[in-house]
Amino acid sequence: MTTSPLSSSTDVDVVLPCLNEAEALPWVLGRIPAGWRALVVDNGSTDGSADIARALGATVVREARRGFGAACHAGLTAASADIVCFCDCDASLDPGLLVPFVREVADGRADLVLGRRRPQGRGTWPAHARAGNLALARMLRRRTGLRLHDLGPLRAARREPLLALSLDDRRSGYPLQMVVRAADAGWRVTEHDVAYLPRTGRSKVTGTWRGTWQAVRDMSRVLNEPPRARGAEGD
């Protein structure tokens, strides 16, 4: 595993939602910074992902309810570290890139840090997926005023404030709901460029137009939530 100047002083859990990612797991887990804990949330894998993750030293959390949000929230609930990160488990994102994210949260310069994906190579980010993401970013700006360019899965924040947001979407809308409710609560949200690599295997969400627009529909529902009053977290 990679080394990190934060490893001895910062308590960090990395939530990795996982559905049939046996091929990608060795690379992903090998990139977790030293001293951080990997929480692989098995969301019904049939390819031995859970056994592979466990053999590689990860903590495995099982979540029977299918859905990206269900897996992410199960990992957040199971986490015990002060700072929790999220990263896809398909080798499209390097969890080692989370080190400056964690530093920014730990130093009190941001409450939520997001990765803006920068595709590396043709075909890494299909046109339909990029178009859907752009549309959502524009809708998010109108809804919250946040000038973000991406709603990518690489992110970091403190665990207890995240739990206090009372996130309840259990499908594709979970990452967006996190940002929307954080904005409503007055959080400082920042965004940094990260390399976006060709994923290992086929995407469960954005691999097809149908999957992409199902995700857009889920997220549009989140954007239609009425703004939450400041101090309403945990209600």
C-alpha atoms as a PDB file:
ATOM      1  CA  MET A   1       0.000   0.000   0.000  1.00  0.00           C
ATOM      2  CA  THR A   2       1.135   3.568  -0.650  1.00  0.00           C
ATOM      3  CA  THR A   3       2.542   5.718   2.128  1.00  0.00           C
ATOM      4  CA  SER A   4       1.015   8.975   3.329  1.00  0.00           C
ATOM      5  CA  PRO A   5       2.175  11.736   5.665  1.00  0.00           C
ATOM      6  CA  LEU A   6      -1.281  11.589   7.205  1.00  0.00           C
ATOM      7  CA  SER A   7      -1.158   7.886   8.023  1.00  0.00           C
ATOM      8  CA  SER A   8       0.067   8.233  11.585  1.00  0.00           C
ATOM      9  CA  SER A   9      -2.067  11.185  12.625  1.00  0.00           C
ATOM     10  CA  THR A  10      -5.370  11.022  10.758  1.00  0.00           C
ATOM     11  CA  ASP A  11      -8.120   8.447  11.329  1.00  0.00           C
ATOM     12  CA  VAL A  12      -9.550   7.578   7.881  1.00  0.00           C
ATOM     13  CA  ASP A  13     -11.921   4.937   6.517  1.00  0.00           C
ATOM     14  CA  VAL A  14     -12.393   4.496   2.754  1.00  0.00           C
ATOM     15  CA  VAL A  15     -15.811   3.185   1.682  1.00  0.00           C
ATOM     16  CA  LEU A  16     -15.667   1.108  -1.503  1.00  0.00           C
ATOM     17  CA  PRO A  17     -19.092   0.008  -2.822  1.00  0.00           C
ATOM     18  CA  CYS A  18     -18.564  -3.273  -4.637  1.00  0.00           C
ATOM     19  CA  LEU A  19     -20.624  -5.385  -7.027  1.00  0.00           C
ATOM     20  CA  ASN A  20     -18.605  -8.004  -8.918  1.00  0.00           C
ATOM     21  CA  GLU A  21     -15.270  -6.184  -8.951  1.00  0.00           C
ATOM     22  CA  ALA A  22     -12.951  -9.172  -8.403  1.00  0.00           C
ATOM     23  CA  GLU A  23     -10.637  -8.124 -11.236  1.00  0.00           C
ATOM     24  CA  ALA A  24     -10.249  -4.527 -10.058  1.00  0.00           C
ATOM     25  CA  LEU A  25      -9.938  -5.097  -6.307  1.00  0.00           C
ATOM     26  CA  PRO A  26      -6.199  -5.896  -6.111  1.00  0.00           C
ATOM     27  CA  TRP A  27      -5.266  -2.649  -7.857  1.00  0.00           C
ATOM     28  CA  VAL A  28      -7.744  -0.534  -5.866  1.00  0.00           C
ATOM     29  CA  LEU A  29      -6.821  -1.953  -2.466  1.00  0.00           C
ATOM     30  CA  GLY A  30      -3.134  -1.707  -3.305  1.00  0.00           C
ATOM     31  CA  ARG A  31      -3.583   2.057  -3.699  1.00  0.00           C
ATOM     32  CA  ILE A  32      -5.169   2.696  -0.288  1.00  0.00           C
ATOM     33  CA  PRO A  33      -2.776   4.927   1.719  1.00  0.00           C
ATOM     34  CA  ALA A  34      -0.941   3.159   4.525  1.00  0.00           C
ATOM     35  CA  GLY A  35      -2.713   3.352   7.869  1.00  0.00           C
ATOM     36  CA  TRP A  36      -6.146   3.920   6.350  1.00  0.00           C
ATOM     37  CA  ARG A  37      -8.876   1.256   6.557  1.00  0.00           C
ATOM     38  CA  ALA A  38     -10.577  -0.056   3.420  1.00  0.00           C
ATOM     39  CA  LEU A  39     -14.275  -0.894   3.878  1.00  0.00           C
ATOM     40  CA  VAL A  40     -15.404  -2.970   0.900  1.00  0.00           C
ATOM     41  CA  VAL A  41     -19.202  -3.048   0.865  1.00  0.00           C
ATOM     42  CA  ASP A  42     -20.285  -6.186  -0.957  1.00  0.00           C
ATOM     43  CA  ASN A  43     -23.616  -5.459  -2.621  1.00  0.00           C
ATOM     44  CA  GLY A  44     -24.420  -8.991  -3.762  1.00  0.00           C
ATOM     45  CA  SER A  45     -21.324 -10.003  -5.706  1.00  0.00           C
ATOM     46  CA  THR A  46     -21.254 -13.450  -7.303  1.00  0.00           C
ATOM     47  CA  ASP A  47     -17.604 -13.428  -8.451  1.00  0.00           C
ATOM     48  CA  GLY A  48     -15.872 -13.885  -5.103  1.00  0.00           C
ATOM     49  CA  SER A  49     -15.207 -10.174  -4.591  1.00  0.00           C
ATOM     50  CA  ALA A  50     -15.811 -10.376  -0.841  1.00  0.00           C
ATOM     51  CA  ASP A  51     -13.316 -13.212  -0.372  1.00  0.00           C
ATOM     52  CA  ILE A  52     -10.693 -11.424  -2.460  1.00  0.00           C
ATOM     53  CA  ALA A  53     -11.150  -8.190  -0.518  1.00  0.00           C
ATOM     54  CA  ARG A  54     -10.867  -9.996   2.798  1.00  0.00           C
ATOM     55  CA  ALA A  55      -7.725 -11.831   1.667  1.00  0.00           C
ATOM     56  CA  LEU A  56      -6.172  -8.504   0.695  1.00  0.00           C
ATOM     57  CA  GLY A  57      -6.736  -7.092   4.176  1.00  0.00           C
ATOM     58  CA  ALA A  58      -9.918  -5.098   3.674  1.00  0.00           C
ATOM     59  CA  THR A  59     -12.835  -5.064   6.087  1.00  0.00           C
ATOM     60  CA  VAL A  60     -15.867  -6.490   4.269  1.00  0.00           C
ATOM     61  CA  VAL A  61     -19.351  -5.153   4.964  1.00  0.00           C
ATOM     62  CA  ARG A  62     -22.332  -6.935   3.435  1.00  0.00           C
ATOM     63  CA  GLU A  63     -25.329  -4.971   2.172  1.00  0.00           C
ATOM     64  CA  ALA A  64     -28.151  -7.139   0.822  1.00  0.00           C
ATOM     65  CA  ARG A  65     -30.255  -4.259  -0.483  1.00  0.00           C
ATOM     66  CA  ARG A  66     -29.149  -3.529  -4.034  1.00  0.00           C
ATOM     67  CA  GLY A  67     -28.289   0.034  -4.931  1.00  0.00           C
ATOM     68  CA  PHE A  68     -25.268   2.318  -5.013  1.00  0.00           C
ATOM     69  CA  GLY A  69     -26.665   4.473  -2.234  1.00  0.00           C
ATOM     70  CA  ALA A  70     -27.465   1.446  -0.114  1.00  0.00           C
ATOM     71  CA  ALA A  71     -23.865   0.253  -0.386  1.00  0.00           C
ATOM     72  CA  CYS A  72     -22.383   3.692   0.303  1.00  0.00           C
ATOM     73  CA  HIS A  73     -24.561   4.268   3.339  1.00  0.00           C
ATOM     74  CA  ALA A  74     -23.852   0.821   4.744  1.00  0.00           C
ATOM     75  CA  GLY A  75     -20.161   1.692   4.540  1.00  0.00           C
ATOM     76  CA  LEU A  76     -20.693   5.069   6.197  1.00  0.00           C
ATOM     77  CA  THR A  77     -22.657   3.435   8.996  1.00  0.00           C
ATOM     78  CA  ALA A  78     -19.994   0.769   9.489  1.00  0.00           C
ATOM     79  CA  ALA A  79     -17.158   3.303   9.489  1.00  0.00           C
ATOM     80  CA  SER A  80     -15.660   4.441  12.775  1.00  0.00           C
ATOM     81  CA  ALA A  81     -12.979   6.897  11.630  1.00  0.00           C
ATOM     82  CA  ASP A  82     -13.315  10.643  12.059  1.00  0.00           C
ATOM     83  CA  ILE A  83     -12.918  11.194   8.309  1.00  0.00           C
ATOM     84  CA  VAL A  84     -14.642   8.987   5.739  1.00  0.00           C
ATOM     85  CA  CYS A  85     -13.773   8.826   2.058  1.00  0.00           C
ATOM     86  CA  PHE A  86     -15.685   7.274  -0.822  1.00  0.00           C
ATOM     87  CA  CYS A  87     -14.221   5.761  -3.971  1.00  0.00           C
ATOM     88  CA  ASP A  88     -15.508   3.511  -6.734  1.00  0.00           C
ATOM     89  CA  CYS A  89     -14.168  -0.028  -6.707  1.00  0.00           C
ATOM     90  CA  ASP A  90     -13.734  -0.465 -10.471  1.00  0.00           C
ATOM     91  CA  ALA A  91     -10.157   0.897 -10.823  1.00  0.00           C
ATOM     92  CA  SER A  92     -11.350   4.040 -12.604  1.00  0.00           C
ATOM     93  CA  LEU A  93     -10.163   6.208  -9.698  1.00  0.00           C
ATOM     94  CA  ASP A  94      -7.004   5.969  -7.609  1.00  0.00           C
ATOM     95  CA  PRO A  95      -7.848   6.120  -3.881  1.00  0.00           C
ATOM     96  CA  GLY A  96      -4.330   7.427  -3.289  1.00  0.00           C
ATOM     97  CA  LEU A  97      -5.581  10.735  -4.729  1.00  0.00           C
ATOM     98  CA  LEU A  98      -7.677  11.165  -1.579  1.00  0.00           C
ATOM     99  CA  VAL A  99      -4.661  12.221   0.505  1.00  0.00           C
ATOM    100  CA  PRO A 100      -4.979  15.992  -0.232  1.00  0.00           C
ATOM    101  CA  PHE A 101      -8.767  15.709   0.150  1.00  0.00           C
ATOM    102  CA  VAL A 102      -8.328  14.344   3.668  1.00  0.00           C
ATOM    103  CA  ARG A 103      -5.722  16.964   4.502  1.00  0.00           C
ATOM    104  CA  GLU A 104      -8.120  19.742   3.454  1.00  0.00           C
ATOM    105  CA  VAL A 105     -10.888  18.345   5.662  1.00  0.00           C
ATOM    106  CA  ALA A 106      -8.547  17.652   8.580  1.00  0.00           C
ATOM    107  CA  ASP A 107      -7.119  21.184   8.417  1.00  0.00           C
ATOM    108  CA  GLY A 108     -10.624  22.692   8.498  1.00  0.00           C
ATOM    109  CA  ARG A 109     -10.376  24.285   5.059  1.00  0.00           C
ATOM    110  CA  ALA A 110     -13.370  22.363   3.665  1.00  0.00           C
ATOM    111  CA  ASP A 111     -16.260  20.258   4.925  1.00  0.00           C
ATOM    112  CA  LEU A 112     -16.718  18.171   1.767  1.00  0.00           C
ATOM    113  CA  VAL A 113     -14.119  17.666  -0.951  1.00  0.00           C
ATOM    114  CA  LEU A 114     -15.050  16.201  -4.349  1.00  0.00           C
ATOM    115  CA  GLY A 115     -12.986  14.936  -7.255  1.00  0.00           C
ATOM    116  CA  ARG A 116     -13.619  16.443 -10.683  1.00  0.00           C
ATOM    117  CA  ARG A 117     -12.948  13.610 -13.114  1.00  0.00           C
ATOM    118  CA  ARG A 118     -10.550  14.277 -15.987  1.00  0.00           C
ATOM    119  CA  PRO A 119     -10.726  11.387 -18.516  1.00  0.00           C
ATOM    120  CA  GLN A 120      -7.436   9.727 -19.417  1.00  0.00           C
ATOM    121  CA  GLY A 121      -7.767   8.361 -22.925  1.00  0.00           C
ATOM    122  CA  ARG A 122     -10.568   8.085 -25.469  1.00  0.00           C
ATOM    123  CA  GLY A 123     -13.634   6.160 -24.423  1.00  0.00           C
ATOM    124  CA  THR A 124     -12.913   6.492 -20.692  1.00  0.00           C
ATOM    125  CA  TRP A 125     -16.042   8.566 -20.131  1.00  0.00           C
ATOM    126  CA  PRO A 126     -18.794   7.825 -22.695  1.00  0.00           C
ATOM    127  CA  ALA A 127     -20.505  10.823 -24.265  1.00  0.00           C
ATOM    128  CA  HIS A 128     -23.915   9.945 -22.827  1.00  0.00           C
ATOM    129  CA  ALA A 129     -22.505   9.685 -19.298  1.00  0.00           C
ATOM    130  CA  ARG A 130     -20.635  12.975 -19.618  1.00  0.00           C
ATOM    131  CA  ALA A 131     -23.733  14.723 -20.971  1.00  0.00           C
ATOM    132  CA  GLY A 132     -25.830  13.454 -18.069  1.00  0.00           C
ATOM    133  CA  ASN A 133     -23.240  14.585 -15.561  1.00  0.00           C
ATOM    134  CA  LEU A 134     -23.042  18.050 -17.122  1.00  0.00           C
ATOM    135  CA  ALA A 135     -26.820  18.419 -17.023  1.00  0.00           C
ATOM    136  CA  LEU A 136     -26.894  17.466 -13.356  1.00  0.00           C
ATOM    137  CA  ALA A 137     -24.085  19.880 -12.502  1.00  0.00           C
ATOM    138  CA  ARG A 138     -26.075  22.706 -14.070  1.00  0.00           C
ATOM    139  CA  MET A 139     -29.224  21.736 -12.198  1.00  0.00           C
ATOM    140  CA  LEU A 140     -27.228  21.509  -8.979  1.00  0.00           C
ATOM    141  CA  ARG A 141     -25.904  25.033  -9.538  1.00  0.00           C
ATOM    142  CA  ARG A 142     -29.432  26.372  -9.950  1.00  0.00           C
ATOM    143  CA  ARG A 143     -30.612  24.493  -6.856  1.00  0.00           C
ATOM    144  CA  THR A 144     -27.739  25.279  -4.482  1.00  0.00           C
ATOM    145  CA  GLY A 145     -25.501  27.934  -6.031  1.00  0.00           C
ATOM    146  CA  LEU A 146     -22.512  25.563  -5.903  1.00  0.00           C
ATOM    147  CA  ARG A 147     -20.345  25.996  -8.988  1.00  0.00           C
ATOM    148  CA  LEU A 148     -19.293  22.375  -9.346  1.00  0.00           C
ATOM    149  CA  HIS A 149     -18.435  20.628 -12.597  1.00  0.00           C
ATOM    150  CA  ASP A 150     -18.786  16.993 -11.558  1.00  0.00           C
ATOM    151  CA  LEU A 151     -20.651  14.799  -9.104  1.00  0.00           C
ATOM    152  CA  GLY A 152     -17.984  12.124  -9.049  1.00  0.00           C
ATOM    153  CA  PRO A 153     -17.701   9.405  -6.423  1.00  0.00           C
ATOM    154  CA  LEU A 154     -14.229  10.352  -5.081  1.00  0.00           C
ATOM    155  CA  ARG A 155     -14.880  12.428  -1.955  1.00  0.00           C
ATOM    156  CA  ALA A 156     -14.016  13.037   1.698  1.00  0.00           C
ATOM    157  CA  ALA A 157     -15.803  14.485   4.734  1.00  0.00           C
ATOM    158  CA  ARG A 158     -16.131  13.953   8.478  1.00  0.00           C
ATOM    159  CA  ARG A 159     -18.270  10.983   9.483  1.00  0.00           C
ATOM    160  CA  GLU A 160     -20.502  12.490  12.160  1.00  0.00           C
ATOM    161  CA  PRO A 161     -21.609  15.506  10.082  1.00  0.00           C
ATOM    162  CA  LEU A 162     -22.287  13.151   7.158  1.00  0.00           C
ATOM    163  CA  LEU A 163     -24.529  10.999   9.331  1.00  0.00           C
ATOM    164  CA  ALA A 164     -26.296  14.131  10.543  1.00  0.00           C
ATOM    165  CA  LEU A 165     -27.357  14.899   6.964  1.00  0.00           C
ATOM    166  CA  SER A 166     -29.818  11.957   7.274  1.00  0.00           C
ATOM    167  CA  LEU A 167     -29.229  10.769   3.700  1.00  0.00           C
ATOM    168  CA  ASP A 168     -32.050   8.457   2.655  1.00  0.00           C
ATOM    169  CA  ASP A 169     -31.623   7.884  -1.095  1.00  0.00           C
ATOM    170  CA  ARG A 170     -30.450   4.321  -1.648  1.00  0.00           C
ATOM    171  CA  ARG A 171     -29.981   4.381  -5.403  1.00  0.00           C
ATOM    172  CA  SER A 172     -28.051   6.554  -7.842  1.00  0.00           C
ATOM    173  CA  GLY A 173     -29.158   9.766  -6.173  1.00  0.00           C
ATOM    174  CA  TYR A 174     -27.084   9.211  -3.028  1.00  0.00           C
ATOM    175  CA  PRO A 175     -23.926  11.107  -4.113  1.00  0.00           C
ATOM    176  CA  LEU A 176     -26.004  14.069  -5.272  1.00  0.00           C
ATOM    177  CA  GLN A 177     -28.152  14.083  -2.147  1.00  0.00           C
ATOM    178  CA  MET A 178     -24.979  14.304  -0.077  1.00  0.00           C
ATOM    179  CA  VAL A 179     -23.940  17.461  -1.938  1.00  0.00           C
ATOM    180  CA  VAL A 180     -27.414  19.040  -1.914  1.00  0.00           C
ATOM    181  CA  ARG A 181     -27.933  18.541   1.801  1.00  0.00           C
ATOM    182  CA  ALA A 182     -24.386  19.645   2.563  1.00  0.00           C
ATOM    183  CA  ALA A 183     -25.058  22.872   0.641  1.00  0.00           C
ATOM    184  CA  ASP A 184     -28.355  23.401   2.475  1.00  0.00           C
ATOM    185  CA  ALA A 185     -26.446  22.999   5.753  1.00  0.00           C
ATOM    186  CA  GLY A 186     -23.932  25.657   4.755  1.00  0.00           C
ATOM    187  CA  TRP A 187     -20.969  23.327   4.247  1.00  0.00           C
ATOM    188  CA  ARG A 188     -17.831  24.509   2.459  1.00  0.00           C
ATOM    189  CA  VAL A 189     -17.669  22.290  -0.626  1.00  0.00           C
ATOM    190  CA  THR A 190     -14.536  22.219  -2.799  1.00  0.00           C
ATOM    191  CA  GLU A 191     -13.599  20.407  -5.998  1.00  0.00           C
ATOM    192  CA  HIS A 192     -10.234  19.214  -7.347  1.00  0.00           C
ATOM    193  CA  ASP A 193      -9.189  17.600 -10.611  1.00  0.00           C
ATOM    194  CA  VAL A 194      -8.489  13.855 -10.519  1.00  0.00           C
ATOM    195  CA  ALA A 195      -7.429  11.449 -13.250  1.00  0.00           C
ATOM    196  CA  TYR A 196     -10.293   9.269 -14.482  1.00  0.00           C
ATOM    197  CA  LEU A 197      -9.042   5.955 -15.833  1.00  0.00           C
ATOM    198  CA  PRO A 198     -10.714   3.316 -18.023  1.00  0.00           C
ATOM    199  CA  ARG A 199     -12.722   1.186 -15.619  1.00  0.00           C
ATOM    200  CA  THR A 200     -12.243  -2.554 -15.254  1.00  0.00           C
ATOM    201  CA  GLY A 201     -15.383  -4.330 -16.459  1.00  0.00           C
ATOM    202  CA  ARG A 202     -18.723  -2.867 -17.489  1.00  0.00           C
ATOM    203  CA  SER A 203     -20.394  -0.033 -15.622  1.00  0.00           C
ATOM    204  CA  LYS A 204     -23.592  -0.981 -13.771  1.00  0.00           C
ATOM    205  CA  VAL A 205     -24.952   2.559 -14.169  1.00  0.00           C
ATOM    206  CA  THR A 206     -23.384   4.523 -17.026  1.00  0.00           C
ATOM    207  CA  GLY A 207     -22.524   1.665 -19.363  1.00  0.00           C
ATOM    208  CA  THR A 208     -25.725   2.277 -21.349  1.00  0.00           C
ATOM    209  CA  TRP A 209     -27.968   5.208 -22.223  1.00  0.00           C
ATOM    210  CA  ARG A 210     -30.766   3.565 -20.254  1.00  0.00           C
ATOM    211  CA  GLY A 211     -28.636   3.224 -17.141  1.00  0.00           C
ATOM    212  CA  THR A 212     -27.383   6.796 -17.436  1.00  0.00           C
ATOM    213  CA  TRP A 213     -30.814   8.331 -17.741  1.00  0.00           C
ATOM    214  CA  GLN A 214     -32.159   6.177 -14.936  1.00  0.00           C
ATOM    215  CA  ALA A 215     -29.431   7.721 -12.811  1.00  0.00           C
ATOM    216  CA  VAL A 216     -30.350  11.191 -14.057  1.00  0.00           C
ATOM    217  CA  ARG A 217     -33.981  10.515 -13.136  1.00  0.00           C
ATOM    218  CA  ASP A 218     -32.982   9.414  -9.624  1.00  0.00           C
ATOM    219  CA  MET A 219     -30.860  12.509  -9.191  1.00  0.00           C
ATOM    220  CA  SER A 220     -33.509  14.832 -10.597  1.00  0.00           C
ATOM    221  CA  ARG A 221     -35.814  13.576  -7.862  1.00  0.00           C
ATOM    222  CA  VAL A 222     -33.193  14.578  -5.284  1.00  0.00           C
ATOM    223  CA  LEU A 223     -32.903  18.054  -6.809  1.00  0.00           C
ATOM    224  CA  ASN A 224     -36.653  18.515  -6.384  1.00  0.00           C
ATOM    225  CA  GLU A 225     -36.417  18.055  -2.622  1.00  0.00           C
ATOM    226  CA  PRO A 226     -37.353  21.268  -0.790  1.00  0.00           C
ATOM    227  CA  PRO A 227     -34.331  23.014   0.730  1.00  0.00           C
ATOM    228  CA  ARG A 228     -33.643  21.961   4.308  1.00  0.00           C
ATOM    229  CA  ALA A 229     -33.437  24.721   6.888  1.00  0.00           C
ATOM    230  CA  ARG A 230     -30.035  25.313   8.474  1.00  0.00           C
ATOM    231  CA  GLY A 231     -29.718  23.256  11.616  1.00  0.00           C
ATOM    232  CA  ALA A 232     -32.180  20.643  10.317  1.00  0.00           C
ATOM    233  CA  GLU A 233     -29.512  17.959   9.961  1.00  0.00           C
ATOM    234  CA  GLY A 234     -30.408  14.847  11.876  1.00  0.00           C
ATOM    235  CA  ASP A 235     -34.103  15.682  12.089  1.00  0.00           C
END
